[in-house]
Protein backbone atom coordinates (compact mmCIF):
# COMPACT_ATOMS: atom_id res chain seq x y z
CA UNK A 1 -3.93 37.91 -25.62
CA UNK A 2 -7.36 36.37 -25.12
CA UNK A 3 -6.54 33.66 -22.56
CA UNK A 4 -4.96 33.97 -19.14
CA UNK A 5 -3.98 31.37 -16.54
CA UNK A 6 -4.15 31.29 -12.77
CA UNK A 7 -1.65 28.80 -11.30
CA UNK A 8 -1.95 27.60 -7.70
CA UNK A 9 1.48 26.31 -6.65
CA UNK A 10 2.72 24.79 -3.43
CA UNK A 11 5.35 22.24 -4.51
CA UNK A 12 7.34 20.95 -7.53
CA UNK A 13 8.42 24.49 -8.39
CA UNK A 14 10.63 23.42 -11.30
CA UNK A 15 7.65 21.84 -13.05
CA UNK A 16 5.43 24.81 -12.30
CA UNK A 17 8.10 27.05 -13.83
CA UNK A 18 8.16 24.94 -17.01
CA UNK A 19 4.40 25.14 -17.41
CA UNK A 20 4.24 28.88 -16.64
CA UNK A 21 6.97 29.64 -19.19
CA UNK A 22 5.17 27.50 -21.76
CA UNK A 23 1.95 29.49 -21.32
CA UNK A 24 3.80 32.80 -21.42
CA UNK A 25 5.65 31.75 -24.59
CA UNK A 26 2.25 31.29 -26.20
CA UNK A 27 1.21 34.85 -25.34
CA UNK A 28 -0.87 33.86 -22.31
CA UNK A 29 -0.40 35.89 -19.10
CA UNK A 30 0.06 33.84 -15.95
CA UNK A 31 -0.64 34.85 -12.35
CA UNK A 32 0.92 32.49 -9.83
CA UNK A 33 -0.26 32.07 -6.26
CA UNK A 34 2.32 30.38 -4.04
CA UNK A 35 1.00 28.80 -0.85
CA UNK A 36 1.70 30.94 2.20
CA UNK A 37 3.15 27.90 3.97
CA UNK A 38 6.08 27.89 1.53
CA UNK A 39 9.20 29.30 3.17
CA UNK A 40 10.05 32.91 2.22
CA UNK A 41 13.47 31.95 0.82
CA UNK A 42 11.93 29.26 -1.41
CA UNK A 43 9.28 31.69 -2.61
CA UNK A 44 11.83 34.43 -3.34
CA UNK A 45 14.06 32.05 -5.31
CA UNK A 46 11.06 30.88 -7.34
CA UNK A 47 9.82 34.40 -8.05
CA UNK A 48 13.30 35.60 -9.04
CA UNK A 49 13.43 33.01 -11.82
CA UNK A 50 10.78 35.00 -13.71
CA UNK A 51 12.56 38.35 -13.68
CA UNK A 52 12.32 39.84 -17.14
CA UNK A 53 9.21 37.79 -17.98
CA UNK A 54 6.39 40.37 -18.30
CA UNK A 55 3.59 37.85 -18.70
CA UNK A 56 4.31 35.98 -15.46
CA UNK A 57 3.40 37.71 -12.21
CA UNK A 58 2.61 36.77 -8.63
CA UNK A 59 -0.44 37.44 -6.49
CA UNK A 60 -0.86 38.18 -2.83
CA UNK A 61 -0.21 35.03 -0.77
CA UNK A 62 -2.32 33.22 1.81
CA UNK A 63 -1.84 30.00 3.74
CA UNK A 64 -3.86 27.29 2.03
CA UNK A 65 -5.40 24.27 3.72
CA UNK A 66 -7.41 21.55 1.99
CA UNK A 67 -11.17 21.84 2.24
CA UNK A 68 -11.19 25.38 3.64
CA UNK A 69 -12.02 28.87 2.43
CA UNK A 70 -8.31 29.64 2.05
CA UNK A 71 -8.22 27.89 -1.32
CA UNK A 72 -11.02 30.09 -2.69
CA UNK A 73 -9.34 33.18 -1.27
CA UNK A 74 -6.07 32.30 -3.00
CA UNK A 75 -7.95 31.89 -6.28
CA UNK A 76 -9.66 35.26 -5.78
CA UNK A 77 -6.34 37.03 -5.15
CA UNK A 78 -4.80 35.63 -8.35
CA UNK A 79 -7.92 36.14 -10.50
CA UNK A 80 -8.30 39.78 -9.39
CA UNK A 81 -4.72 40.58 -10.30
CA UNK A 82 -5.05 38.84 -13.67
CA UNK A 83 -8.16 40.85 -14.58
CA UNK A 84 -6.64 44.13 -13.35
CA UNK A 85 -3.26 43.70 -15.08
CA UNK A 86 -4.39 42.23 -18.38
CA UNK A 87 -7.56 43.88 -19.69
CA UNK A 88 -7.43 42.00 -23.00
CA UNK A 89 -7.95 38.57 -21.40
CA UNK A 90 -11.36 37.15 -22.34
CA UNK A 91 -11.15 33.73 -20.61
CA UNK A 92 -9.43 32.79 -17.33
CA UNK A 93 -8.22 29.23 -16.90
CA UNK A 94 -7.62 27.93 -13.35
CA UNK A 95 -4.87 25.31 -13.02
CA UNK A 96 -2.43 24.01 -10.45
CA UNK A 97 1.31 23.62 -10.45
CA UNK A 98 0.85 19.90 -11.10
CA UNK A 99 -1.23 20.49 -14.23
CA UNK A 100 0.15 19.87 -17.70
CA UNK A 101 -1.27 21.05 -21.06
CA UNK A 102 -2.05 18.08 -23.28
CA UNK A 103 -2.71 20.01 -26.47
CA UNK A 104 -1.06 23.15 -27.89
CA UNK A 105 -2.36 26.37 -26.37
CA UNK A 106 -3.23 27.57 -29.88
CA UNK A 107 -5.88 24.84 -30.07
CA UNK A 108 -7.31 25.91 -26.72
CA UNK A 109 -7.49 29.52 -27.90
CA UNK A 110 -9.25 28.48 -31.10
CA UNK A 111 -11.70 26.38 -29.13
CA UNK A 112 -12.53 29.27 -26.77
CA UNK A 113 -12.82 31.66 -29.73
CA UNK A 114 -15.69 29.52 -31.00
CA UNK A 115 -17.32 29.76 -27.55
CA UNK A 116 -16.69 33.43 -26.64
CA UNK A 117 -19.52 33.66 -24.09
CA UNK A 118 -19.31 30.15 -22.66
CA UNK A 119 -18.14 29.28 -19.16
CA UNK A 120 -16.62 25.83 -18.83
CA UNK A 121 -17.21 24.78 -15.24
CA UNK A 122 -18.65 21.60 -13.82
CA UNK A 123 -21.72 22.78 -11.94
CA UNK A 124 -24.46 20.38 -10.84
CA UNK A 125 -27.02 20.43 -8.06
CA UNK A 126 -26.42 18.34 -4.95
CA UNK A 127 -29.15 15.92 -6.06
CA UNK A 128 -27.17 15.13 -9.22
CA UNK A 129 -23.84 14.49 -7.52
CA UNK A 130 -22.63 10.90 -7.81
CA UNK A 131 -18.90 11.24 -7.17
CA UNK A 132 -18.68 12.21 -3.49
CA UNK A 133 -16.77 9.67 -1.41
CA UNK A 134 -17.50 9.59 2.34
CA UNK A 135 -18.52 13.24 2.11
CA UNK A 136 -21.41 15.59 2.75
CA UNK A 137 -23.63 16.80 -0.06
CA UNK A 138 -26.60 19.06 0.83
CA UNK A 139 -25.45 19.42 4.44
CA UNK A 140 -22.19 21.09 3.43
CA UNK A 141 -24.34 24.16 2.63
CA UNK A 142 -26.56 24.10 5.74
CA UNK A 143 -24.16 23.16 8.57
CA UNK A 144 -21.16 24.98 9.99
CA UNK A 145 -17.63 23.61 9.84
CA UNK A 146 -15.30 25.50 12.18
CA UNK A 147 -12.96 22.53 12.62
CA UNK A 148 -10.52 21.08 10.12
CA UNK A 149 -11.58 17.75 8.71
CA UNK A 150 -7.95 16.66 8.31
CA UNK A 151 -6.34 18.08 11.41
CA UNK A 152 -9.17 17.67 13.94
CA UNK A 153 -11.41 14.92 12.61
CA UNK A 154 -12.94 14.05 15.98
CA UNK A 155 -14.07 17.62 16.65
CA UNK A 156 -15.32 17.91 13.06
CA UNK A 157 -17.48 14.78 13.34
CA UNK A 158 -18.71 15.63 16.85
CA UNK A 159 -19.82 19.13 15.81
CA UNK A 160 -21.63 17.75 12.76
CA UNK A 161 -23.50 15.24 14.95
CA UNK A 162 -24.48 17.95 17.42
CA UNK A 163 -25.88 20.18 14.67
CA UNK A 164 -27.89 17.28 13.30
CA UNK A 165 -29.18 16.35 16.73
CA UNK A 166 -30.41 19.84 17.60
CA UNK A 167 -31.60 20.68 14.10
CA UNK A 168 -29.24 23.61 13.59
CA UNK A 169 -29.30 24.92 10.03
CA UNK A 170 -27.77 27.85 8.18
CA UNK A 171 -29.79 30.01 5.84
CA UNK A 172 -28.62 29.99 2.23
CA UNK A 173 -28.35 33.59 0.93
CA UNK A 174 -30.99 34.82 -1.47
CA UNK A 175 -30.14 34.29 -5.11
CA UNK A 176 -27.72 31.42 -4.37
CA UNK A 177 -28.52 27.98 -5.79
CA UNK A 178 -26.04 25.48 -4.30
CA UNK A 179 -24.07 23.64 -6.97
CA UNK A 180 -21.03 21.39 -6.84
CA UNK A 181 -18.30 20.51 -9.29
CA UNK A 182 -14.64 20.24 -10.08
CA UNK A 183 -12.37 22.95 -8.73
CA UNK A 184 -10.71 23.41 -12.13
CA UNK A 185 -12.62 25.74 -14.47
CA UNK A 186 -12.32 28.17 -17.37
CA UNK A 187 -14.58 31.24 -16.94
CA UNK A 188 -15.26 34.22 -19.15
CA UNK A 189 -14.08 37.60 -18.02
CA UNK A 190 -17.67 38.78 -17.75
CA UNK A 191 -18.71 35.98 -15.38
CA UNK A 192 -15.58 36.18 -13.25
CA UNK A 193 -15.80 39.95 -12.86
CA UNK A 194 -19.47 39.65 -11.93
CA UNK A 195 -18.55 37.21 -9.17
CA UNK A 196 -15.63 39.25 -7.84
CA UNK A 197 -17.40 42.64 -8.07
CA UNK A 198 -20.83 41.60 -6.83
CA UNK A 199 -22.34 44.17 -4.42
CA UNK A 200 -23.22 41.44 -1.91
CA UNK A 201 -19.86 39.72 -2.16
CA UNK A 202 -18.95 40.26 1.54
CA UNK A 203 -22.11 38.44 2.65
CA UNK A 204 -21.68 35.70 0.05
CA UNK A 205 -18.02 35.20 0.94
CA UNK A 206 -18.92 35.07 4.62
CA UNK A 207 -21.47 32.35 3.93
CA UNK A 208 -19.20 30.23 1.72
CA UNK A 209 -16.28 30.61 4.12
CA UNK A 210 -18.15 28.23 6.44
CA UNK A 211 -19.20 25.78 3.72
CA UNK A 212 -17.33 22.49 3.68
CA UNK A 213 -14.84 22.29 0.76
CA UNK A 214 -15.94 25.66 -0.73
CA UNK A 215 -13.54 25.39 -3.69
CA UNK A 216 -15.96 22.78 -5.07
CA UNK A 217 -19.01 25.01 -4.65
CA UNK A 218 -18.17 28.77 -4.58
CA UNK A 219 -17.51 29.45 -8.27
CA UNK A 220 -19.75 26.55 -9.24
CA UNK A 221 -22.76 28.13 -7.51
CA UNK A 222 -22.06 31.77 -8.41
CA UNK A 223 -21.50 30.92 -12.07
CA UNK A 224 -25.12 29.84 -12.20
CA UNK A 225 -26.04 33.27 -10.90
CA UNK A 226 -24.16 35.33 -13.50
CA UNK A 227 -23.27 33.19 -16.51
CA UNK A 228 -25.13 33.54 -19.80
CA UNK A 229 -23.97 30.15 -21.10
CA UNK A 230 -22.53 27.27 -19.06
CA UNK A 231 -21.15 24.01 -20.30
CA UNK A 232 -21.14 21.89 -17.18
CA UNK A 233 -17.82 20.17 -17.65
CA UNK A 234 -14.21 21.02 -17.08
CA UNK A 235 -11.58 21.35 -19.79
CA UNK A 236 -9.13 19.76 -17.34
CA UNK A 237 -8.82 15.99 -17.07
CA UNK A 238 -8.85 14.89 -13.44
CA UNK A 239 -9.72 11.42 -12.19
CA UNK A 240 -10.20 10.21 -8.65
CA UNK A 241 -9.81 6.85 -6.92
CA UNK A 242 -12.17 5.05 -4.56
CA UNK A 243 -10.95 7.17 -1.63
CA UNK A 244 -11.58 10.45 -3.45
CA UNK A 245 -7.88 11.09 -4.03
CA UNK A 246 -6.72 12.24 -7.47
CA UNK A 247 -5.11 9.74 -9.79
CA UNK A 248 -1.47 10.56 -10.52
CA UNK A 249 -0.41 10.29 -14.16
CA UNK A 250 2.97 8.77 -15.08
CA UNK A 251 4.94 8.40 -18.29
CA UNK A 252 3.15 5.23 -19.33
CA UNK A 253 -0.18 7.09 -19.26
CA UNK A 254 0.75 9.11 -22.35
CA UNK A 255 -1.52 7.23 -24.81
CA UNK A 256 -4.38 7.46 -22.35
CA UNK A 257 -3.94 11.21 -21.92
CA UNK A 258 -3.82 11.76 -25.67
CA UNK A 259 -6.97 9.74 -26.19
CA UNK A 260 -8.94 11.94 -23.78
CA UNK A 261 -8.58 14.98 -26.09
CA UNK A 262 -8.61 17.21 -22.99
CA UNK A 263 -6.61 20.44 -23.04
CA UNK A 264 -5.05 20.08 -19.57
CA UNK A 265 -4.55 17.20 -17.14
CA UNK A 266 -3.82 16.90 -13.47
CA UNK A 267 -2.24 15.44 -11.45
CA UNK A 268 1.11 14.79 -13.18
CA UNK A 269 3.96 13.08 -11.36
CA UNK A 270 6.80 15.63 -11.06
CA UNK A 271 9.34 13.12 -12.40
CA UNK A 272 7.36 12.16 -15.50
CA UNK A 273 10.08 13.39 -17.86
CA UNK A 274 8.53 11.94 -20.98
CA UNK A 275 5.15 13.57 -20.36
CA UNK A 276 6.64 17.02 -19.81
CA UNK A 277 9.01 16.81 -22.75
CA UNK A 278 6.27 15.53 -25.05
CA UNK A 279 3.34 17.77 -24.18
CA UNK A 280 5.34 20.98 -23.76
CA UNK A 281 6.64 20.60 -27.32
CA UNK A 282 4.42 22.52 -29.74
CA UNK A 283 6.32 21.04 -32.68
CA UNK A 284 5.05 17.52 -32.08
CA UNK A 285 2.58 16.20 -34.68
CA UNK A 286 -1.05 16.60 -33.70
CA UNK A 287 -3.15 13.56 -34.41
CA UNK A 288 -6.64 15.07 -34.21
CA UNK A 289 -8.64 18.17 -33.29
CA UNK A 290 -11.56 16.75 -31.32
CA UNK A 291 -13.60 18.25 -28.52
CA UNK A 292 -12.49 17.26 -24.99
CA UNK A 293 -14.06 13.97 -24.06
CA UNK A 294 -12.68 12.35 -20.89
CA UNK A 295 -15.48 9.80 -21.14
CA UNK A 296 -13.35 7.95 -23.70
CA UNK A 297 -11.07 6.75 -20.93
CA UNK A 298 -13.63 6.43 -18.12
CA UNK A 299 -13.75 2.68 -18.59
CA UNK A 300 -10.05 2.37 -17.78
CA UNK A 301 -10.40 4.35 -14.55
CA UNK A 302 -13.59 2.59 -13.55
CA UNK A 303 -11.80 -0.72 -13.91
CA UNK A 304 -8.81 0.58 -11.95
CA UNK A 305 -11.06 1.85 -9.15
CA UNK A 306 -12.89 -1.44 -9.01
CA UNK A 307 -9.61 -3.36 -8.92
CA UNK A 308 -8.29 -1.18 -6.11
CA UNK A 309 -11.52 -1.26 -4.13
CA UNK A 310 -12.37 -4.94 -4.54
CA UNK A 311 -9.04 -6.49 -5.48
CA UNK A 312 -8.71 -9.65 -7.54
CA UNK A 313 -10.85 -12.64 -6.56
CA UNK A 314 -9.03 -14.89 -4.16
CA UNK A 315 -5.86 -12.76 -3.89
CA UNK A 316 -4.88 -11.70 -0.39
CA UNK A 317 -1.83 -9.66 0.54
CA UNK A 318 -0.46 -7.34 3.20
CA UNK A 319 -1.48 -4.37 1.08
CA UNK A 320 -5.08 -5.51 0.85
CA UNK A 321 -6.58 -7.83 3.46
CA UNK A 322 -10.34 -7.20 3.47
CA UNK A 323 -12.60 -7.53 6.46
CA UNK A 324 -14.78 -10.67 6.57
CA UNK A 325 -17.71 -10.30 4.21
CA UNK A 326 -15.98 -7.73 1.99
CA UNK A 327 -13.86 -10.12 -0.07
CA UNK A 328 -14.15 -10.10 -3.83
CA UNK A 329 -14.63 -13.83 -3.85
CA UNK A 330 -13.13 -16.14 -1.25
CA UNK A 331 -10.89 -17.98 -3.73
CA UNK A 332 -9.69 -17.47 -7.27
CA UNK A 333 -10.57 -20.80 -8.92
CA UNK A 334 -12.74 -23.90 -8.71
CA UNK A 335 -11.47 -26.81 -6.61
CA UNK A 336 -12.71 -30.15 -5.31
CA UNK A 337 -12.83 -31.60 -1.81
CA UNK A 338 -13.42 -35.32 -1.28
CA UNK A 339 -14.28 -36.75 2.12
CA UNK A 340 -14.45 -40.47 2.88
CA UNK A 341 -13.62 -41.82 -0.58
CA UNK A 342 -10.06 -42.81 0.24
CA UNK A 343 -11.43 -44.83 3.18
CA UNK A 344 -14.02 -46.64 1.06
CA UNK A 345 -11.73 -47.41 -1.93
CA UNK A 346 -8.19 -48.72 -2.30
CA UNK A 347 -5.84 -46.40 -4.24
CA UNK A 348 -8.55 -43.81 -4.83
CA UNK A 349 -6.09 -40.91 -5.12
CA UNK A 350 -4.20 -42.10 -8.26
CA UNK A 351 -7.49 -43.24 -9.83
CA UNK A 352 -9.00 -39.79 -9.28
CA UNK A 353 -5.90 -38.06 -10.66
CA UNK A 354 -6.20 -40.08 -13.87
CA UNK A 355 -9.88 -39.26 -14.14
CA UNK A 356 -9.63 -35.52 -13.50
CA UNK A 357 -6.27 -34.86 -15.10
CA UNK A 358 -5.38 -32.30 -12.43
CA UNK A 359 -3.37 -32.40 -9.25
CA UNK A 360 -4.86 -34.47 -6.44
CA UNK A 361 -3.42 -33.88 -3.00
CA UNK A 362 -3.84 -36.01 0.06
CA UNK A 363 -5.12 -34.53 3.30
CA UNK A 364 -3.92 -30.92 3.10
CA UNK A 365 -5.22 -30.34 6.62
CA UNK A 366 -3.89 -33.47 8.27
CA UNK A 367 -2.84 -32.51 11.82
CA UNK A 368 0.63 -34.03 11.43
CA UNK A 369 1.66 -33.00 7.90
CA UNK A 370 0.41 -31.23 4.79
CA UNK A 371 0.05 -34.01 2.23
CA UNK A 372 0.89 -32.34 -1.08
CA UNK A 373 0.49 -34.32 -4.29
CA UNK A 374 3.53 -36.43 -5.14
CA UNK A 375 4.93 -36.05 -1.63
CA UNK A 376 6.19 -32.52 -2.33
CA UNK A 377 7.45 -30.58 0.66
CA UNK A 378 7.17 -27.14 -0.96
CA UNK A 379 4.45 -26.15 -3.41
CA UNK A 380 4.01 -23.20 -5.79
CA UNK A 381 4.16 -19.91 -3.94
CA UNK A 382 6.71 -21.36 -1.48
CA UNK A 383 3.97 -23.06 0.52
CA UNK A 384 5.55 -25.36 3.06
CA UNK A 385 4.17 -28.70 4.24
CA UNK A 386 4.57 -27.49 7.83
CA UNK A 387 1.25 -27.88 9.70
CA UNK A 388 2.24 -25.09 12.09
CA UNK A 389 2.59 -22.58 9.25
CA UNK A 390 -0.62 -23.84 7.63
CA UNK A 391 -2.64 -23.60 10.84
CA UNK A 392 -1.49 -20.02 11.48
CA UNK A 393 -3.91 -18.95 8.72
CA UNK A 394 -5.62 -22.09 7.36
CA UNK A 395 -7.94 -20.18 5.02
CA UNK A 396 -5.15 -18.18 3.42
CA UNK A 397 -3.09 -21.35 3.07
CA UNK A 398 -5.78 -22.65 0.73
CA UNK A 399 -6.32 -19.37 -1.12
CA UNK A 400 -2.57 -19.01 -1.67
CA UNK A 401 -2.36 -22.57 -2.98
CA UNK A 402 -5.20 -21.92 -5.42
CA UNK A 403 -3.72 -18.59 -6.53
CA UNK A 404 -0.24 -20.02 -7.05
CA UNK A 405 -1.57 -22.94 -9.11
CA UNK A 406 -4.34 -21.11 -11.01
CA UNK A 407 -4.96 -22.67 -14.37
CA UNK A 408 -4.73 -26.15 -12.84
CA UNK A 409 -7.72 -27.40 -10.89
CA UNK A 410 -6.83 -28.67 -7.43
CA UNK A 411 -8.42 -31.53 -5.52
CA UNK A 412 -7.71 -32.72 -2.00
CA UNK A 413 -9.11 -34.91 0.75
CA UNK A 414 -10.65 -33.69 3.94
CA UNK A 415 -12.10 -35.61 6.85
CA UNK A 416 -13.27 -35.33 10.45
CA UNK A 417 -9.74 -35.99 11.68
CA UNK A 418 -8.35 -32.93 9.92
CA UNK A 419 -8.00 -29.33 11.11
CA UNK A 420 -11.61 -28.18 11.63
CA UNK A 421 -11.02 -24.41 11.21
CA UNK A 422 -11.24 -24.64 7.42
CA UNK A 423 -14.74 -26.18 7.42
CA UNK A 424 -16.79 -22.98 7.43
CA UNK A 425 -14.62 -21.49 4.68
CA UNK A 426 -15.22 -24.50 2.44
CA UNK A 427 -18.95 -24.22 3.00
CA UNK A 428 -19.06 -20.50 2.15
CA UNK A 429 -16.88 -20.68 -0.95
CA UNK A 430 -18.88 -20.95 -4.22
CA UNK A 431 -15.74 -22.25 -5.96
CA UNK A 432 -15.73 -25.40 -3.81
CA UNK A 433 -17.24 -28.71 -4.86
CA UNK A 434 -17.64 -30.97 -1.83
CA UNK A 435 -18.24 -34.70 -2.20
CA UNK A 436 -18.78 -36.30 1.20
CA UNK A 437 -19.43 -39.83 2.36
CA UNK A 438 -20.40 -39.36 5.97
CA UNK A 439 -19.39 -42.12 8.36
CA UNK A 440 -16.73 -43.52 6.02
CA UNK A 441 -14.25 -43.38 8.88
CA UNK A 442 -15.80 -46.58 10.32
CA UNK A 443 -14.40 -48.62 7.42
CA UNK A 444 -10.72 -48.49 8.49
CA UNK A 445 -11.76 -48.67 12.17
CA UNK A 446 -13.59 -51.95 11.86
CA UNK A 447 -10.53 -53.60 10.27
CA UNK A 448 -8.02 -52.08 12.68
CA UNK A 449 -6.23 -54.06 15.37
CA UNK A 450 -6.76 -51.48 18.08
CA UNK A 451 -8.23 -52.29 21.46
CA UNK A 452 -12.02 -51.92 21.42
CA UNK A 453 -11.95 -49.19 24.04
CA UNK A 454 -9.55 -47.24 21.83
CA UNK A 455 -11.82 -47.83 18.84
CA UNK A 456 -14.81 -46.49 20.77
CA UNK A 457 -12.92 -43.36 21.82
CA UNK A 458 -11.72 -42.74 18.27
CA UNK A 459 -15.20 -43.35 16.83
CA UNK A 460 -16.73 -40.89 19.28
CA UNK A 461 -14.11 -38.25 18.42
CA UNK A 462 -14.49 -38.63 14.66
CA UNK A 463 -18.28 -38.70 14.77
CA UNK A 464 -18.41 -35.60 16.93
CA UNK A 465 -16.14 -33.72 14.50
CA UNK A 466 -18.12 -34.89 11.46
CA UNK A 467 -21.45 -33.89 13.01
CA UNK A 468 -20.09 -30.36 13.54
CA UNK A 469 -18.92 -30.19 9.93
CA UNK A 470 -22.28 -31.45 8.64
CA UNK A 471 -24.06 -28.79 10.69
CA UNK A 472 -21.91 -26.20 8.97
CA UNK A 473 -22.93 -27.56 5.58
CA UNK A 474 -26.63 -27.40 6.51
CA UNK A 475 -26.49 -23.86 7.87
CA UNK A 476 -27.66 -20.80 5.97
CA UNK A 477 -25.18 -19.07 3.70
CA UNK A 478 -23.66 -22.24 2.24
CA UNK A 479 -22.46 -21.46 -1.29
CA UNK A 480 -20.39 -24.55 -2.08
CA UNK A 481 -21.69 -27.32 -4.33
CA UNK A 482 -22.31 -30.12 -1.84
CA UNK A 483 -22.81 -33.83 -2.64
CA UNK A 484 -23.55 -35.66 0.59
CA UNK A 485 -24.36 -39.32 1.19
CA UNK A 486 -24.18 -41.56 4.17
CA UNK A 487 -21.92 -44.58 3.80
CA UNK A 488 -24.95 -46.85 3.52
CA UNK A 489 -26.42 -44.76 0.71
CA UNK A 490 -23.17 -44.57 -1.21
CA UNK A 491 -22.31 -48.28 -1.29
CA UNK A 492 -25.72 -49.10 -2.76
CA UNK A 493 -24.94 -47.26 -6.04
CA UNK A 494 -21.28 -46.12 -6.03
CA UNK A 495 -20.94 -45.86 -9.82
CA UNK A 496 -23.92 -43.57 -10.29
CA UNK A 497 -22.88 -41.28 -7.49
CA UNK A 498 -19.28 -40.99 -8.66
CA UNK A 499 -20.52 -40.39 -12.21
CA UNK A 500 -22.59 -37.41 -11.03
CA UNK A 501 -19.59 -35.87 -9.29
CA UNK A 502 -17.26 -36.31 -12.26
CA UNK A 503 -19.88 -34.89 -14.64
CA UNK A 504 -20.12 -31.77 -12.54
CA UNK A 505 -16.35 -31.33 -12.31
CA UNK A 506 -15.32 -32.16 -15.87
CA UNK A 507 -18.61 -31.80 -17.70
CA UNK A 508 -20.78 -34.59 -19.11
CA UNK A 509 -18.95 -36.86 -21.53
CA UNK A 510 -20.09 -39.42 -24.09
CA UNK A 511 -18.55 -42.29 -22.16
CA UNK A 512 -19.99 -43.47 -18.87
CA UNK A 513 -17.94 -44.60 -15.91
CA UNK A 514 -17.06 -48.27 -16.27
CA UNK A 515 -14.24 -48.78 -13.79
CA UNK A 516 -13.87 -48.16 -10.10
CA UNK A 517 -10.95 -48.66 -7.77
CA UNK A 518 -11.30 -51.69 -5.56
CA UNK A 519 -13.73 -51.16 -2.72
CA UNK A 520 -12.60 -52.11 0.76
CA UNK A 521 -14.24 -55.07 2.46
CA UNK A 522 -17.37 -53.88 4.26
CA UNK A 523 -19.07 -57.25 4.64
CA UNK A 524 -18.58 -57.26 8.42
CA UNK A 525 -19.56 -53.62 8.89
CA UNK A 526 -23.15 -54.16 10.14
CA UNK A 527 -21.87 -56.41 12.93
CA UNK A 528 -19.17 -53.85 13.81
CA UNK A 529 -21.75 -51.05 13.98
CA UNK A 530 -23.94 -53.18 16.22
CA UNK A 531 -20.94 -53.80 18.48
CA UNK A 532 -20.31 -50.05 18.67
CA UNK A 533 -23.95 -49.44 19.53
CA UNK A 534 -23.89 -52.04 22.27
CA UNK A 535 -20.68 -50.48 23.54
CA UNK A 536 -22.40 -47.10 24.01
CA UNK A 537 -21.46 -45.38 20.71
CA UNK A 538 -24.52 -44.77 18.54
CA UNK A 539 -23.46 -44.42 14.88
CA UNK A 540 -25.44 -41.37 13.68
CA UNK A 541 -23.69 -40.46 10.41
CA UNK A 542 -23.10 -43.90 8.84
CA UNK A 543 -26.63 -44.51 7.62
CA UNK A 544 -28.98 -47.45 8.07
CA UNK A 545 -26.88 -50.58 7.71
CA UNK A 546 -29.09 -52.44 10.17
CA UNK A 547 -31.89 -52.84 7.64
CA UNK A 548 -29.48 -53.86 4.88
CA UNK A 549 -29.11 -57.64 4.70
CA UNK A 550 -25.59 -58.99 4.67
CA UNK A 551 -26.11 -60.47 1.21
CA UNK A 552 -26.80 -56.98 -0.19
CA UNK A 553 -23.58 -55.72 1.35
CA UNK A 554 -21.71 -58.53 -0.34
CA UNK A 555 -23.45 -57.79 -3.64
CA UNK A 556 -22.23 -54.18 -3.45
CA UNK A 557 -18.71 -55.43 -2.84
CA UNK A 558 -18.91 -57.85 -5.78
CA UNK A 559 -20.31 -55.15 -8.08
CA UNK A 560 -17.37 -52.90 -7.26
CA UNK A 561 -14.92 -55.69 -8.03
CA UNK A 562 -16.63 -56.63 -11.31
CA UNK A 563 -16.40 -53.14 -12.81
CA UNK A 564 -12.72 -52.80 -12.01
């Protein structure tokens, strides 16, 4: 009888009973503390189950609340009774009712027998702590905490701010070096008795009773005072998420738990039948006898914490909708946005689809209808072509489309006549490739049969919208890959400019671009622009067609037709 257990229980009494009986069956005395908040009838029924079991006993009860001195007091009550009732116990192992032994108790006894004077307790100075989440470190030892952090958070925070403002500090008792660590430890009888029988214990207990979360610092600090040999790690596997809450282990975590080589794990889901039946069976084959090493599985938990904290790039859901600026990537995949090309060329959409090999949509943000590729009315992810649904959250419409079609690069058209709310998102997204011919909207206008007053009004509206979009693309924080030409610049060398875009999207290839879709007739464009100017609309985004002789415009048109 060299090892004894202290069990802190407040729920899942059937599982706590299984674990307590398992320890007792391996000749390990168990002292159980049941939370004082548990109803008397429930406590009596639980205690009566152990009648006739001499190695399982119960300690004096106290009401336990997270982060308060009550948890240390409950541990003291149980530890004192264990030491008084079982003088042969050499090591005391603190566990909870949700803990589960991962290796046979005989292995734990053998391991402790090789370390007879060693205390296994995580105990590090506040300067070495890296795991606290939204918590206090050094100040938990120098400030007072009369209010519950969980039940009265506003009073807790207000009192902390007042103490900081007026410089109020508590004096740390002589001989105490503040340390922090996991609540779950395995101490030698000598160290534990020294802590519980210390002559200045009343003063020390009074001090720690006002420390924040003392169960992470009381035994951790006092062990440094009395222990002859400390290994600063716990024999219990416990992992925490990004919010500081313990990970819960389920049946499918069995291989992970075995790989850790730890002796005990918490926190086990009460309904994990396979875990309890497997690990409470001492007849199961033991694969190895290695020292506990939870670091073997740290990578898995680090990845899980990162996934939970940051999510997957470009995936938005009700469960995780980050604040602006805290997204893990705006979208999940690369995509292309073309502006003005379908107005400069005939049948540019099918030509582009053949060139890129992906899906090329029309104007996804057309004010009247979402123009999905192939005229689809519903796309992957049940995305409707309804503009009202799209405009409710235009950014998430795009991110959902990209997520639902990941693995297939998407391309679509966007222009000054489309919904403008998406513009800033496109500019900020590093996955976007934007190819823009500014002023291309004048091409269909100058061949339209509208009244000139209507043409002027439409030209003013489109130019105003395009200028706003171009300002967005020139602002700071633009992460998209932007290719921008005026219409005049583009028609001078259309093949070279399209070749650069395709090389970026698909990668450089051995064959150069030799065919273009037919370019629309722009021979009369300089005269049309002059007419707009004389009518009071100054074309600012089209480029300098005035200095381009008409014969050069015709040459550009002929060059486009020759390479078709």
